[in-house]
Amino acid sequence: MLVTIKNFYDTCECTSFKMLKTTLEEKYCGMSISLHFRAPSGLRAVEFVDVLDDGNVIDSHTGHPIDLATLPSTHTQNSL
C-alpha cells in the first residue's frame, strides 16, 4: 500500500495502513487533504478527505466515513 498525502506543498508518503493512520492523526487533524494512490485498475486515484479532530476521516464531498484500511482496494474507476 502506497498512499501519498498532499496538502498544498506538503507531501508525505505512507507505505502502510498504520503509518497512514498515525500520520493523519498526528499531522493533519482538523484539515482537508487529498490522498493519492493506485486503484486496482492501475490508474492513479485521488480521494479528498477531511481529518476530524478525533482522527477519523470523512469524504470531503459526501461527509461519509472513509475506511482507510480498504481505501485502495475498494476504489474503482467508476468512482473517480
Protein backbone atom coordinates (compact mmCIF):
# COMPACT_ATOMS: atom_id res chain seq x y z
CA MET A 1 0.00 0.00 0.00
CA LEU A 2 1.43 3.33 -1.04
CA VAL A 3 -0.63 6.41 -0.29
CA THR A 4 0.61 9.95 -0.75
CA ILE A 5 -0.92 12.61 1.47
CA LYS A 6 -0.99 16.05 -0.12
CA ASN A 7 -1.83 19.38 1.48
CA PHE A 8 -0.79 22.19 -0.87
CA TYR A 9 3.02 21.90 -0.99
CA ASP A 10 3.24 19.50 1.96
CA THR A 11 3.57 15.90 0.71
CA CYS A 12 4.03 12.74 2.76
CA GLU A 13 4.23 9.13 1.51
CA CYS A 14 2.84 6.34 3.66
CA THR A 15 3.71 2.71 2.97
CA SER A 16 1.35 1.03 5.43
CA PHE A 17 -2.10 1.48 6.94
CA LYS A 18 -0.58 2.02 10.39
CA MET A 19 1.75 4.73 9.08
CA LEU A 20 -1.12 6.42 7.23
CA LYS A 21 -3.42 6.41 10.27
CA THR A 22 -0.67 7.69 12.61
CA THR A 23 0.42 10.43 10.21
CA LEU A 24 -3.14 11.66 9.71
CA GLU A 25 -3.79 11.73 13.47
CA GLU A 26 -0.52 13.47 14.37
CA LYS A 27 -0.06 15.92 11.49
CA TYR A 28 -3.37 16.57 9.72
CA CYS A 29 -6.13 16.71 12.38
CA GLY A 30 -8.74 19.33 11.54
CA MET A 31 -7.53 19.67 7.95
CA SER A 32 -8.81 18.89 4.47
CA ILE A 33 -6.30 16.92 2.40
CA SER A 34 -6.07 14.64 -0.61
CA LEU A 35 -4.97 11.02 -0.65
CA HIS A 36 -3.30 9.78 -3.85
CA PHE A 37 -2.93 6.05 -4.58
CA ARG A 38 -3.19 3.40 -7.31
CA ALA A 39 -6.64 1.91 -7.82
CA PRO A 40 -6.93 -1.83 -8.60
CA SER A 41 -7.30 -0.88 -12.26
CA GLY A 42 -3.78 0.57 -12.15
CA LEU A 43 -4.99 4.14 -12.60
CA ARG A 44 -4.00 6.84 -10.16
CA ALA A 45 -6.88 7.71 -7.87
CA VAL A 46 -7.44 10.71 -5.62
CA GLU A 47 -9.74 10.92 -2.63
CA PHE A 48 -10.45 14.30 -0.99
CA VAL A 49 -10.95 13.85 2.74
CA ASP A 50 -11.36 15.79 5.97
CA VAL A 51 -9.43 14.58 9.01
CA LEU A 52 -11.56 15.12 12.09
CA ASP A 53 -10.13 16.12 15.47
CA ASP A 54 -10.62 12.56 16.76
CA GLY A 55 -8.52 11.15 13.87
CA ASN A 56 -11.44 9.75 11.88
CA VAL A 57 -11.58 10.50 8.16
CA ILE A 58 -14.63 11.51 6.13
CA ASP A 59 -15.16 12.15 2.42
CA SER A 60 -14.94 15.91 1.82
CA HIS A 61 -17.79 15.89 -0.69
CA THR A 62 -20.30 13.47 0.85
CA GLY A 63 -19.42 13.52 4.55
CA HIS A 64 -19.42 9.72 4.64
CA PRO A 65 -16.79 7.95 6.77
CA ILE A 66 -13.76 6.54 4.92
CA ASP A 67 -12.25 3.17 5.85
CA LEU A 68 -8.54 3.83 5.29
CA ALA A 69 -7.62 0.15 5.59
CA THR A 70 -9.59 -0.73 2.46
CA LEU A 71 -9.33 2.54 0.54
CA PRO A 72 -7.12 1.43 -2.40
CA SER A 73 -8.77 -1.98 -2.78
CA THR A 74 -12.35 -0.65 -2.84
CA HIS A 75 -11.75 2.38 -5.01
CA THR A 76 -12.95 1.71 -8.55
CA GLN A 77 -12.50 3.51 -11.80
CA ASN A 78 -16.20 4.42 -11.87
CA SER A 79 -16.00 6.34 -8.59
CA LEU A 80 -13.38 8.76 -9.87
